[in-house]
Amino acid sequence: MNKTIDYYNLNAKKFIENTLNADMHITQDRFLRLLAENRFILDFGCGSGRDTKYFLEKGYRVEATDGSSELCKLASAFAGIEVKEMLFQDLDASGKYEGIWACSSILHLSKKELLPVIRKMCDALKDNGVIYTSFKYGDFEGERNGRYFTDFTEDTFDKFIKVIPELTIEEEWITSDVRPGRGEEKWLNLILRKIQK
């Protein structure tokens, strides 16, 4: 994970240039439709702050975190709120958020690290809350272009998440990468809901 954070610290400006203007409105709005107005969202691994800013402009309350100190600085300036520097493993909240947005973020964890983090995300949600997350589509796990990635297909994620019975897959869909020149890359998008106990 440290190598991945180093990558983002060294390449923060370039990363933001590549992602800031990516049009995510369809997916953002699909997520927001599941939340009532003015609800509390955690942007978990917020990167450029693009999505944080969008949610704030739509009237939602947002807390944003990222593991990269450089991205935190740049995202804070862009989104207009302080972005907290935090590793995914350090999430320690209970029943706090109605929604967690983890867009192309937790995919940097190994499967071994990912499961406890998703449990923490589940704990941080209120009952009936929702998580949006996305992974590159495929079966690869390991280092790629200086960062660690865990990819999933529908089948592999379905099996992976079964050990957290409080979370149910409400929606899953495949999209092409929205960044210029990356349309051949496929993404697995997921909406998970925390079932009331």
N, C-alpha and C. Protein backbone atom coordinates (compact mmCIF):
# COMPACT_ATOMS: atom_id res chain seq x y z
N MET A 1 0.84 -1.21 0.00
CA MET A 1 0.00 0.00 0.00
C MET A 1 0.87 1.26 0.00
N ASN A 2 2.00 1.23 0.74
CA ASN A 2 2.86 2.41 0.82
C ASN A 2 3.38 2.83 -0.55
N LYS A 3 3.70 1.82 -1.37
CA LYS A 3 4.19 2.11 -2.71
C LYS A 3 3.12 2.82 -3.53
N THR A 4 1.87 2.40 -3.36
CA THR A 4 0.76 3.04 -4.06
C THR A 4 0.60 4.49 -3.60
N ILE A 5 0.70 4.72 -2.29
CA ILE A 5 0.60 6.09 -1.77
C ILE A 5 1.76 6.94 -2.28
N ASP A 6 2.94 6.35 -2.30
CA ASP A 6 4.10 7.07 -2.86
C ASP A 6 3.84 7.49 -4.30
N TYR A 7 3.23 6.58 -5.06
CA TYR A 7 2.91 6.86 -6.46
C TYR A 7 2.01 8.11 -6.54
N TYR A 8 0.98 8.14 -5.71
CA TYR A 8 0.05 9.28 -5.76
C TYR A 8 0.70 10.57 -5.26
N ASN A 9 1.56 10.47 -4.26
CA ASN A 9 2.25 11.67 -3.79
C ASN A 9 3.16 12.24 -4.88
N LEU A 10 3.82 11.36 -5.61
CA LEU A 10 4.75 11.81 -6.66
C LEU A 10 4.03 12.28 -7.93
N ASN A 11 2.86 11.71 -8.18
CA ASN A 11 2.15 11.98 -9.43
C ASN A 11 0.82 12.69 -9.23
N ALA A 12 0.66 13.37 -8.10
CA ALA A 12 -0.65 13.94 -7.73
C ALA A 12 -1.20 14.87 -8.81
N LYS A 13 -0.37 15.80 -9.27
CA LYS A 13 -0.88 16.79 -10.25
C LYS A 13 -1.28 16.12 -11.56
N LYS A 14 -0.45 15.20 -12.01
CA LYS A 14 -0.74 14.48 -13.26
C LYS A 14 -2.01 13.64 -13.12
N PHE A 15 -2.14 12.96 -11.97
CA PHE A 15 -3.33 12.14 -11.71
C PHE A 15 -4.59 13.00 -11.75
N ILE A 16 -4.52 14.17 -11.10
CA ILE A 16 -5.68 15.05 -11.06
C ILE A 16 -6.03 15.55 -12.46
N GLU A 17 -5.01 15.90 -13.23
CA GLU A 17 -5.27 16.34 -14.62
C GLU A 17 -6.02 15.27 -15.41
N ASN A 18 -5.71 14.00 -15.15
CA ASN A 18 -6.33 12.89 -15.88
C ASN A 18 -7.73 12.54 -15.40
N THR A 19 -8.05 12.91 -14.16
CA THR A 19 -9.32 12.44 -13.59
C THR A 19 -10.32 13.54 -13.28
N LEU A 20 -9.84 14.77 -13.12
CA LEU A 20 -10.71 15.85 -12.64
C LEU A 20 -11.90 16.08 -13.55
N ASN A 21 -11.68 16.01 -14.85
CA ASN A 21 -12.76 16.31 -15.80
C ASN A 21 -13.45 15.06 -16.35
N ALA A 22 -13.13 13.91 -15.77
CA ALA A 22 -13.83 12.68 -16.20
C ALA A 22 -15.31 12.82 -15.82
N ASP A 23 -16.18 12.59 -16.78
CA ASP A 23 -17.61 12.80 -16.55
C ASP A 23 -18.23 11.60 -15.83
N MET A 24 -18.47 11.78 -14.54
CA MET A 24 -19.02 10.70 -13.72
C MET A 24 -20.48 10.96 -13.32
N HIS A 25 -21.12 11.92 -13.99
CA HIS A 25 -22.45 12.34 -13.54
C HIS A 25 -23.47 11.21 -13.49
N ILE A 26 -23.44 10.33 -14.49
CA ILE A 26 -24.44 9.25 -14.52
C ILE A 26 -24.30 8.37 -13.28
N THR A 27 -23.07 8.01 -12.95
CA THR A 27 -22.83 7.15 -11.79
C THR A 27 -23.06 7.92 -10.49
N GLN A 28 -22.60 9.16 -10.43
CA GLN A 28 -22.83 9.98 -9.23
C GLN A 28 -24.32 10.10 -8.94
N ASP A 29 -25.10 10.38 -9.97
CA ASP A 29 -26.54 10.59 -9.78
C ASP A 29 -27.25 9.27 -9.45
N ARG A 30 -26.74 8.17 -9.98
CA ARG A 30 -27.31 6.86 -9.66
C ARG A 30 -27.15 6.58 -8.17
N PHE A 31 -26.01 6.97 -7.61
CA PHE A 31 -25.73 6.83 -6.18
C PHE A 31 -26.62 7.79 -5.37
N LEU A 32 -26.68 9.04 -5.79
CA LEU A 32 -27.43 10.05 -5.02
C LEU A 32 -28.93 9.76 -5.00
N ARG A 33 -29.44 9.12 -6.06
CA ARG A 33 -30.87 8.78 -6.10
C ARG A 33 -31.27 7.87 -4.93
N LEU A 34 -30.28 7.16 -4.38
CA LEU A 34 -30.56 6.23 -3.28
C LEU A 34 -30.51 6.91 -1.91
N LEU A 35 -30.15 8.19 -1.90
CA LEU A 35 -30.02 8.94 -0.65
C LEU A 35 -31.01 10.09 -0.63
N ALA A 36 -31.62 10.32 0.54
CA ALA A 36 -32.48 11.50 0.67
C ALA A 36 -31.60 12.75 0.68
N GLU A 37 -32.24 13.91 0.50
CA GLU A 37 -31.47 15.17 0.45
C GLU A 37 -30.72 15.42 1.75
N ASN A 38 -29.58 16.11 1.62
CA ASN A 38 -28.80 16.57 2.77
C ASN A 38 -28.25 15.44 3.64
N ARG A 39 -28.16 14.23 3.10
CA ARG A 39 -27.61 13.12 3.88
C ARG A 39 -26.10 13.22 3.94
N PHE A 40 -25.50 12.40 4.82
CA PHE A 40 -24.07 12.46 5.12
C PHE A 40 -23.33 11.40 4.32
N ILE A 41 -22.38 11.83 3.50
CA ILE A 41 -21.62 10.94 2.63
C ILE A 41 -20.14 10.95 3.03
N LEU A 42 -19.53 9.78 3.03
CA LEU A 42 -18.07 9.68 3.15
C LEU A 42 -17.51 9.43 1.75
N ASP A 43 -16.66 10.35 1.28
CA ASP A 43 -15.93 10.12 0.02
C ASP A 43 -14.60 9.49 0.42
N PHE A 44 -14.53 8.18 0.26
CA PHE A 44 -13.49 7.34 0.86
C PHE A 44 -12.39 7.08 -0.18
N GLY A 45 -11.31 7.86 -0.08
CA GLY A 45 -10.27 7.83 -1.11
C GLY A 45 -10.67 8.77 -2.22
N CYS A 46 -10.74 10.07 -1.88
CA CYS A 46 -11.42 11.04 -2.76
C CYS A 46 -10.58 11.50 -3.94
N GLY A 47 -9.27 11.19 -3.95
CA GLY A 47 -8.44 11.58 -5.10
C GLY A 47 -8.43 13.07 -5.31
N SER A 48 -8.91 13.52 -6.47
CA SER A 48 -8.87 14.93 -6.84
C SER A 48 -9.87 15.79 -6.09
N GLY A 49 -10.86 15.16 -5.46
CA GLY A 49 -11.94 15.91 -4.82
C GLY A 49 -13.11 16.20 -5.76
N ARG A 50 -13.02 15.66 -6.96
CA ARG A 50 -14.06 15.87 -7.99
C ARG A 50 -15.46 15.50 -7.49
N ASP A 51 -15.57 14.31 -6.90
CA ASP A 51 -16.88 13.82 -6.49
C ASP A 51 -17.36 14.53 -5.22
N THR A 52 -16.43 14.81 -4.31
CA THR A 52 -16.77 15.57 -3.10
C THR A 52 -17.43 16.89 -3.48
N LYS A 53 -16.79 17.60 -4.42
CA LYS A 53 -17.31 18.91 -4.85
C LYS A 53 -18.70 18.76 -5.45
N TYR A 54 -18.89 17.73 -6.27
CA TYR A 54 -20.19 17.50 -6.90
C TYR A 54 -21.27 17.25 -5.86
N PHE A 55 -20.97 16.41 -4.87
CA PHE A 55 -21.96 16.09 -3.83
C PHE A 55 -22.28 17.32 -2.98
N LEU A 56 -21.27 18.10 -2.66
CA LEU A 56 -21.49 19.34 -1.90
C LEU A 56 -22.40 20.29 -2.68
N GLU A 57 -22.13 20.41 -3.97
CA GLU A 57 -22.94 21.31 -4.80
C GLU A 57 -24.39 20.84 -4.90
N LYS A 58 -24.61 19.55 -4.72
CA LYS A 58 -25.97 18.99 -4.76
C LYS A 58 -26.65 19.08 -3.38
N GLY A 59 -25.95 19.66 -2.41
CA GLY A 59 -26.57 19.90 -1.10
C GLY A 59 -26.34 18.80 -0.07
N TYR A 60 -25.44 17.87 -0.34
CA TYR A 60 -25.14 16.81 0.63
C TYR A 60 -24.03 17.25 1.57
N ARG A 61 -24.00 16.66 2.74
CA ARG A 61 -22.89 16.87 3.67
C ARG A 61 -21.85 15.81 3.37
N VAL A 62 -20.60 16.21 3.26
CA VAL A 62 -19.56 15.28 2.82
C VAL A 62 -18.34 15.36 3.73
N GLU A 63 -17.84 14.19 4.08
CA GLU A 63 -16.53 14.07 4.72
C GLU A 63 -15.65 13.36 3.69
N ALA A 64 -14.44 13.87 3.46
CA ALA A 64 -13.58 13.29 2.43
C ALA A 64 -12.24 12.88 3.03
N THR A 65 -11.72 11.74 2.59
CA THR A 65 -10.43 11.24 3.08
C THR A 65 -9.60 10.77 1.89
N ASP A 66 -8.30 10.76 2.09
CA ASP A 66 -7.40 10.13 1.12
C ASP A 66 -6.11 9.76 1.85
N GLY A 67 -5.42 8.76 1.35
CA GLY A 67 -4.17 8.31 1.98
C GLY A 67 -2.96 9.10 1.53
N SER A 68 -3.10 9.87 0.45
CA SER A 68 -1.99 10.64 -0.10
C SER A 68 -2.02 12.07 0.41
N SER A 69 -0.96 12.50 1.07
CA SER A 69 -0.93 13.87 1.62
C SER A 69 -1.01 14.91 0.50
N GLU A 70 -0.37 14.63 -0.63
CA GLU A 70 -0.41 15.57 -1.75
C GLU A 70 -1.82 15.70 -2.32
N LEU A 71 -2.49 14.56 -2.50
CA LEU A 71 -3.87 14.62 -3.00
C LEU A 71 -4.78 15.31 -2.01
N CYS A 72 -4.56 15.10 -0.72
CA CYS A 72 -5.38 15.78 0.30
C CYS A 72 -5.29 17.29 0.15
N LYS A 73 -4.07 17.79 -0.04
CA LYS A 73 -3.87 19.25 -0.18
C LYS A 73 -4.60 19.78 -1.42
N LEU A 74 -4.39 19.12 -2.54
CA LEU A 74 -4.98 19.58 -3.79
C LEU A 74 -6.50 19.42 -3.80
N ALA A 75 -6.98 18.31 -3.24
CA ALA A 75 -8.44 18.07 -3.20
C ALA A 75 -9.12 19.06 -2.25
N SER A 76 -8.46 19.39 -1.14
CA SER A 76 -9.03 20.37 -0.19
C SER A 76 -9.22 21.71 -0.89
N ALA A 77 -8.20 22.12 -1.64
CA ALA A 77 -8.28 23.40 -2.35
C ALA A 77 -9.38 23.38 -3.40
N PHE A 78 -9.52 22.27 -4.08
CA PHE A 78 -10.51 22.18 -5.16
C PHE A 78 -11.94 22.08 -4.63
N ALA A 79 -12.14 21.22 -3.63
CA ALA A 79 -13.51 20.96 -3.14
C ALA A 79 -13.99 22.00 -2.14
N GLY A 80 -13.03 22.70 -1.51
CA GLY A 80 -13.42 23.74 -0.56
C GLY A 80 -13.71 23.24 0.84
N ILE A 81 -13.38 21.98 1.11
CA ILE A 81 -13.46 21.47 2.49
C ILE A 81 -12.15 20.77 2.81
N GLU A 82 -11.85 20.63 4.09
CA GLU A 82 -10.61 19.96 4.45
C GLU A 82 -10.74 18.46 4.20
N VAL A 83 -9.79 17.92 3.46
CA VAL A 83 -9.76 16.48 3.21
C VAL A 83 -8.81 15.86 4.23
N LYS A 84 -9.30 14.86 4.94
CA LYS A 84 -8.53 14.24 6.01
C LYS A 84 -7.57 13.19 5.44
N GLU A 85 -6.30 13.28 5.81
CA GLU A 85 -5.33 12.26 5.38
C GLU A 85 -5.52 11.02 6.25
N MET A 86 -5.87 9.91 5.63
CA MET A 86 -6.20 8.71 6.39
C MET A 86 -6.08 7.47 5.51
N LEU A 87 -5.52 6.40 6.06
CA LEU A 87 -5.51 5.12 5.36
C LEU A 87 -6.89 4.48 5.49
N PHE A 88 -7.24 3.65 4.51
CA PHE A 88 -8.54 2.97 4.56
C PHE A 88 -8.70 2.17 5.86
N GLN A 89 -7.59 1.56 6.29
CA GLN A 89 -7.64 0.69 7.48
C GLN A 89 -7.93 1.47 8.76
N ASP A 90 -7.78 2.80 8.71
CA ASP A 90 -7.98 3.62 9.91
C ASP A 90 -9.41 4.12 10.07
N LEU A 91 -10.30 3.73 9.17
CA LEU A 91 -11.71 4.11 9.33
C LEU A 91 -12.22 3.50 10.63
N ASP A 92 -12.81 4.34 11.47
CA ASP A 92 -13.25 3.87 12.78
C ASP A 92 -14.52 4.63 13.17
N ALA A 93 -15.60 4.37 12.47
CA ALA A 93 -16.86 5.05 12.74
C ALA A 93 -17.96 4.01 12.86
N SER A 94 -19.01 4.38 13.55
CA SER A 94 -20.13 3.45 13.73
C SER A 94 -21.44 4.18 13.44
N GLY A 95 -22.17 3.67 12.46
CA GLY A 95 -23.50 4.21 12.15
C GLY A 95 -23.50 5.70 11.84
N LYS A 96 -22.48 6.18 11.16
CA LYS A 96 -22.30 7.63 10.96
C LYS A 96 -22.83 8.14 9.62
N TYR A 97 -22.69 7.34 8.57
CA TYR A 97 -22.98 7.84 7.21
C TYR A 97 -24.18 7.12 6.60
N GLU A 98 -24.90 7.88 5.75
CA GLU A 98 -25.96 7.25 4.95
C GLU A 98 -25.40 6.67 3.66
N GLY A 99 -24.28 7.23 3.22
CA GLY A 99 -23.66 6.74 1.98
C GLY A 99 -22.15 6.79 2.05
N ILE A 100 -21.49 5.79 1.46
CA ILE A 100 -20.04 5.81 1.32
C ILE A 100 -19.72 5.65 -0.17
N TRP A 101 -18.95 6.60 -0.66
CA TRP A 101 -18.56 6.61 -2.08
C TRP A 101 -17.08 6.23 -2.13
N ALA A 102 -16.79 5.06 -2.70
CA ALA A 102 -15.40 4.58 -2.80
C ALA A 102 -15.10 4.29 -4.27
N CYS A 103 -15.01 5.38 -5.04
CA CYS A 103 -14.86 5.28 -6.49
C CYS A 103 -13.39 5.04 -6.84
N SER A 104 -13.10 3.89 -7.43
CA SER A 104 -11.74 3.56 -7.88
C SER A 104 -10.71 3.79 -6.78
N SER A 105 -11.06 3.43 -5.55
CA SER A 105 -10.15 3.71 -4.44
C SER A 105 -9.73 2.45 -3.69
N ILE A 106 -10.70 1.73 -3.14
CA ILE A 106 -10.34 0.54 -2.34
C ILE A 106 -9.81 -0.59 -3.22
N LEU A 107 -9.86 -0.41 -4.54
CA LEU A 107 -9.26 -1.40 -5.45
C LEU A 107 -7.74 -1.50 -5.29
N HIS A 108 -7.14 -0.54 -4.55
CA HIS A 108 -5.69 -0.60 -4.33
C HIS A 108 -5.29 -1.50 -3.16
N LEU A 109 -6.27 -2.10 -2.50
CA LEU A 109 -5.98 -3.02 -1.40
C LEU A 109 -5.92 -4.45 -1.93
N SER A 110 -5.08 -5.26 -1.30
CA SER A 110 -5.09 -6.69 -1.62
C SER A 110 -6.40 -7.28 -1.08
N LYS A 111 -6.78 -8.45 -1.57
CA LYS A 111 -8.02 -9.07 -1.08
C LYS A 111 -7.97 -9.28 0.42
N LYS A 112 -6.79 -9.63 0.93
CA LYS A 112 -6.62 -9.86 2.37
C LYS A 112 -6.88 -8.58 3.17
N GLU A 113 -6.44 -7.44 2.63
CA GLU A 113 -6.66 -6.14 3.31
C GLU A 113 -8.07 -5.63 3.08
N LEU A 114 -8.63 -5.98 1.92
CA LEU A 114 -9.90 -5.40 1.49
C LEU A 114 -11.08 -5.83 2.35
N LEU A 115 -11.13 -7.10 2.71
CA LEU A 115 -12.28 -7.59 3.45
C LEU A 115 -12.47 -6.87 4.80
N PRO A 116 -11.40 -6.74 5.63
CA PRO A 116 -11.59 -5.99 6.88
C PRO A 116 -11.99 -4.53 6.65
N VAL A 117 -11.51 -3.94 5.56
CA VAL A 117 -11.87 -2.54 5.26
C VAL A 117 -13.35 -2.45 4.89
N ILE A 118 -13.84 -3.40 4.09
CA ILE A 118 -15.27 -3.37 3.74
C ILE A 118 -16.12 -3.60 4.99
N ARG A 119 -15.64 -4.43 5.91
CA ARG A 119 -16.36 -4.58 7.20
C ARG A 119 -16.43 -3.25 7.95
N LYS A 120 -15.31 -2.51 7.96
CA LYS A 120 -15.28 -1.20 8.62
C LYS A 120 -16.25 -0.22 7.93
N MET A 121 -16.30 -0.30 6.60
CA MET A 121 -17.24 0.54 5.84
C MET A 121 -18.68 0.20 6.22
N CYS A 122 -18.96 -1.08 6.34
CA CYS A 122 -20.29 -1.53 6.74
C CYS A 122 -20.64 -0.99 8.14
N ASP A 123 -19.69 -1.09 9.07
CA ASP A 123 -19.91 -0.58 10.43
C ASP A 123 -20.16 0.93 10.43
N ALA A 124 -19.47 1.64 9.53
CA ALA A 124 -19.57 3.11 9.50
C ALA A 124 -20.91 3.59 8.91
N LEU A 125 -21.62 2.67 8.23
CA LEU A 125 -22.91 3.02 7.63
C LEU A 125 -24.04 2.92 8.65
N LYS A 126 -25.04 3.77 8.48
CA LYS A 126 -26.29 3.58 9.20
C LYS A 126 -27.03 2.40 8.56
N ASP A 127 -27.95 1.81 9.29
CA ASP A 127 -28.77 0.74 8.71
C ASP A 127 -29.45 1.27 7.45
N ASN A 128 -29.48 0.45 6.42
CA ASN A 128 -30.09 0.79 5.14
C ASN A 128 -29.23 1.74 4.31
N GLY A 129 -28.03 2.06 4.80
CA GLY A 129 -27.12 2.92 4.05
C GLY A 129 -26.54 2.19 2.85
N VAL A 130 -25.93 2.97 1.94
CA VAL A 130 -25.42 2.37 0.70
C VAL A 130 -23.95 2.72 0.48
N ILE A 131 -23.25 1.77 -0.16
CA ILE A 131 -21.86 1.96 -0.59
C ILE A 131 -21.84 1.89 -2.11
N TYR A 132 -21.16 2.85 -2.73
CA TYR A 132 -20.81 2.69 -4.15
C TYR A 132 -19.31 2.42 -4.21
N THR A 133 -18.92 1.42 -4.98
CA THR A 133 -17.50 1.18 -5.20
C THR A 133 -17.29 0.64 -6.60
N SER A 134 -16.03 0.71 -7.05
CA SER A 134 -15.74 0.24 -8.41
C SER A 134 -14.35 -0.37 -8.46
N PHE A 135 -14.24 -1.38 -9.31
CA PHE A 135 -12.98 -2.10 -9.51
C PHE A 135 -12.75 -2.27 -11.00
N LYS A 136 -11.49 -2.35 -11.38
CA LYS A 136 -11.21 -2.72 -12.77
C LYS A 136 -11.74 -4.14 -12.99
N TYR A 137 -12.24 -4.40 -14.19
CA TYR A 137 -12.91 -5.67 -14.48
C TYR A 137 -11.89 -6.72 -14.88
N GLY A 138 -11.87 -7.83 -14.14
CA GLY A 138 -10.96 -8.92 -14.49
C GLY A 138 -10.59 -9.73 -13.26
N ASP A 139 -9.53 -10.54 -13.40
CA ASP A 139 -9.12 -11.44 -12.33
C ASP A 139 -7.72 -11.14 -11.81
N PHE A 140 -7.16 -10.02 -12.24
CA PHE A 140 -5.78 -9.69 -11.85
C PHE A 140 -5.71 -9.20 -10.40
N GLU A 141 -4.64 -9.61 -9.71
CA GLU A 141 -4.32 -9.00 -8.42
C GLU A 141 -2.81 -8.85 -8.34
N GLY A 142 -2.34 -7.62 -8.11
CA GLY A 142 -0.90 -7.38 -8.02
C GLY A 142 -0.55 -5.98 -8.46
N GLU A 143 0.74 -5.76 -8.70
CA GLU A 143 1.20 -4.42 -9.06
C GLU A 143 1.06 -4.17 -10.56
N ARG A 144 0.59 -2.97 -10.89
CA ARG A 144 0.40 -2.58 -12.28
C ARG A 144 0.67 -1.08 -12.37
N ASN A 145 1.64 -0.69 -13.20
CA ASN A 145 1.96 0.73 -13.37
C ASN A 145 2.27 1.44 -12.05
N GLY A 146 3.03 0.77 -11.19
CA GLY A 146 3.48 1.41 -9.96
C GLY A 146 2.49 1.42 -8.82
N ARG A 147 1.33 0.78 -9.02
CA ARG A 147 0.31 0.73 -7.96
C ARG A 147 -0.22 -0.69 -7.82
N TYR A 148 -0.78 -0.99 -6.66
CA TYR A 148 -1.36 -2.32 -6.41
C TYR A 148 -2.84 -2.28 -6.82
N PHE A 149 -3.29 -3.31 -7.48
CA PHE A 149 -4.69 -3.40 -7.88
C PHE A 149 -5.27 -4.78 -7.56
N THR A 150 -6.53 -4.78 -7.14
CA THR A 150 -7.31 -6.01 -7.08
C THR A 150 -8.49 -5.83 -8.01
N ASP A 151 -8.58 -6.68 -9.03
CA ASP A 151 -9.68 -6.61 -10.00
C ASP A 151 -10.75 -7.64 -9.62
N PHE A 152 -11.97 -7.40 -10.07
CA PHE A 152 -13.06 -8.34 -9.83
C PHE A 152 -13.94 -8.48 -11.07
N THR A 153 -14.61 -9.63 -11.17
CA THR A 153 -15.74 -9.82 -12.08
C THR A 153 -16.98 -9.94 -11.20
N GLU A 154 -18.15 -10.00 -11.82
CA GLU A 154 -19.38 -10.16 -11.02
C GLU A 154 -19.27 -11.41 -10.14
N ASP A 155 -18.84 -12.52 -10.73
CA ASP A 155 -18.79 -13.78 -9.98
C ASP A 155 -17.80 -13.73 -8.83
N THR A 156 -16.60 -13.19 -9.09
CA THR A 156 -15.60 -13.20 -8.02
C THR A 156 -15.99 -12.24 -6.89
N PHE A 157 -16.63 -11.11 -7.24
CA PHE A 157 -17.04 -10.20 -6.16
C PHE A 157 -18.21 -10.77 -5.37
N ASP A 158 -19.16 -11.40 -6.07
CA ASP A 158 -20.31 -12.02 -5.37
C ASP A 158 -19.82 -13.00 -4.31
N LYS A 159 -18.84 -13.83 -4.69
CA LYS A 159 -18.31 -14.82 -3.75
C LYS A 159 -17.55 -14.13 -2.61
N PHE A 160 -16.80 -13.09 -2.96
CA PHE A 160 -15.95 -12.38 -2.00
C PHE A 160 -16.78 -11.73 -0.89
N ILE A 161 -17.92 -11.14 -1.26
CA ILE A 161 -18.69 -10.33 -0.31
C ILE A 161 -19.65 -11.18 0.54
N LYS A 162 -19.82 -12.45 0.17
CA LYS A 162 -20.78 -13.30 0.87
C LYS A 162 -20.46 -13.46 2.36
N VAL A 163 -19.19 -13.28 2.73
CA VAL A 163 -18.82 -13.46 4.14
C VAL A 163 -19.21 -12.25 5.01
N ILE A 164 -19.76 -11.21 4.38
CA ILE A 164 -20.29 -10.07 5.16
C ILE A 164 -21.81 -10.06 4.94
N PRO A 165 -22.56 -10.83 5.74
CA PRO A 165 -23.99 -11.02 5.46
C PRO A 165 -24.82 -9.74 5.58
N GLU A 166 -24.29 -8.73 6.30
CA GLU A 166 -25.08 -7.48 6.45
C GLU A 166 -25.11 -6.67 5.16
N LEU A 167 -24.20 -6.98 4.23
CA LEU A 167 -24.15 -6.23 2.97
C LEU A 167 -24.74 -7.05 1.84
N THR A 168 -25.63 -6.44 1.11
CA THR A 168 -26.21 -7.11 -0.04
C THR A 168 -25.90 -6.31 -1.31
N ILE A 169 -25.66 -7.01 -2.41
CA ILE A 169 -25.41 -6.33 -3.68
C ILE A 169 -26.76 -5.92 -4.26
N GLU A 170 -26.98 -4.61 -4.31
CA GLU A 170 -28.26 -4.10 -4.82
C GLU A 170 -28.21 -3.89 -6.34
N GLU A 171 -27.07 -3.40 -6.83
CA GLU A 171 -26.91 -3.20 -8.27
C GLU A 171 -25.47 -3.50 -8.63
N GLU A 172 -25.26 -4.06 -9.82
CA GLU A 172 -23.89 -4.16 -10.36
C GLU A 172 -23.97 -4.01 -11.87
N TRP A 173 -23.03 -3.24 -12.41
CA TRP A 173 -23.05 -2.97 -13.85
C TRP A 173 -21.64 -2.70 -14.34
N ILE A 174 -21.45 -2.91 -15.63
CA ILE A 174 -20.14 -2.73 -16.26
C ILE A 174 -20.15 -1.42 -17.04
N THR A 175 -19.06 -0.66 -16.92
CA THR A 175 -18.92 0.56 -17.72
C THR A 175 -17.55 0.56 -18.39
N SER A 176 -17.44 1.40 -19.42
CA SER A 176 -16.13 1.66 -20.02
C SER A 176 -15.50 2.82 -19.28
N ASP A 177 -14.17 2.88 -19.31
CA ASP A 177 -13.46 3.98 -18.66
C ASP A 177 -13.85 5.30 -19.33
N VAL A 178 -14.16 6.31 -18.50
CA VAL A 178 -14.61 7.59 -19.06
C VAL A 178 -13.46 8.54 -19.41
N ARG A 179 -12.22 8.15 -19.06
CA ARG A 179 -11.08 9.03 -19.38
C ARG A 179 -10.72 8.91 -20.86
N PRO A 180 -10.26 10.01 -21.45
CA PRO A 180 -9.92 10.00 -22.88
C PRO A 180 -8.90 8.90 -23.22
N GLY A 181 -9.18 8.15 -24.27
CA GLY A 181 -8.26 7.12 -24.74
C GLY A 181 -8.25 5.85 -23.91
N ARG A 182 -9.18 5.76 -22.93
CA ARG A 182 -9.18 4.59 -22.04
C ARG A 182 -10.47 3.77 -22.18
N GLY A 183 -11.25 4.05 -23.22
CA GLY A 183 -12.57 3.44 -23.36
C GLY A 183 -12.57 1.93 -23.44
N GLU A 184 -11.42 1.33 -23.79
CA GLU A 184 -11.39 -0.14 -23.89
C GLU A 184 -11.29 -0.79 -22.50
N GLU A 185 -10.95 0.01 -21.48
CA GLU A 185 -10.86 -0.54 -20.11
C GLU A 185 -12.26 -0.65 -19.53
N LYS A 186 -12.54 -1.80 -18.91
CA LYS A 186 -13.86 -2.03 -18.33
C LYS A 186 -13.79 -1.94 -16.81
N TRP A 187 -14.89 -1.47 -16.22
CA TRP A 187 -15.01 -1.32 -14.77
C TRP A 187 -16.24 -2.06 -14.26
N LEU A 188 -16.10 -2.68 -13.09
CA LEU A 188 -17.23 -3.27 -12.38
C LEU A 188 -17.69 -2.26 -11.35
N ASN A 189 -18.94 -1.82 -11.47
CA ASN A 189 -19.54 -0.86 -10.54
C ASN A 189 -20.52 -1.58 -9.64
N LEU A 190 -20.52 -1.23 -8.37
CA LEU A 190 -21.37 -1.93 -7.39
C LEU A 190 -22.05 -0.96 -6.44
N ILE A 191 -23.31 -1.25 -6.18
CA ILE A 191 -24.03 -0.58 -5.07
C ILE A 191 -24.33 -1.67 -4.05
N LEU A 192 -23.82 -1.49 -2.85
CA LEU A 192 -24.05 -2.42 -1.75
C LEU A 192 -24.95 -1.74 -0.72
N ARG A 193 -25.87 -2.49 -0.15
CA ARG A 193 -26.74 -1.91 0.87
C ARG A 193 -26.59 -2.66 2.20
N LYS A 194 -26.54 -1.89 3.27
CA LYS A 194 -26.47 -2.49 4.60
C LYS A 194 -27.88 -2.82 5.07
N ILE A 195 -28.10 -4.10 5.26
CA ILE A 195 -29.44 -4.56 5.64
C ILE A 195 -29.66 -4.27 7.11
N GLN A 196 -30.88 -3.84 7.44
CA GLN A 196 -31.21 -3.61 8.85
C GLN A 196 -31.23 -4.92 9.59
N LYS A 197 -30.58 -4.93 10.75
CA LYS A 197 -30.53 -6.17 11.53
C LYS A 197 -31.83 -6.39 12.27
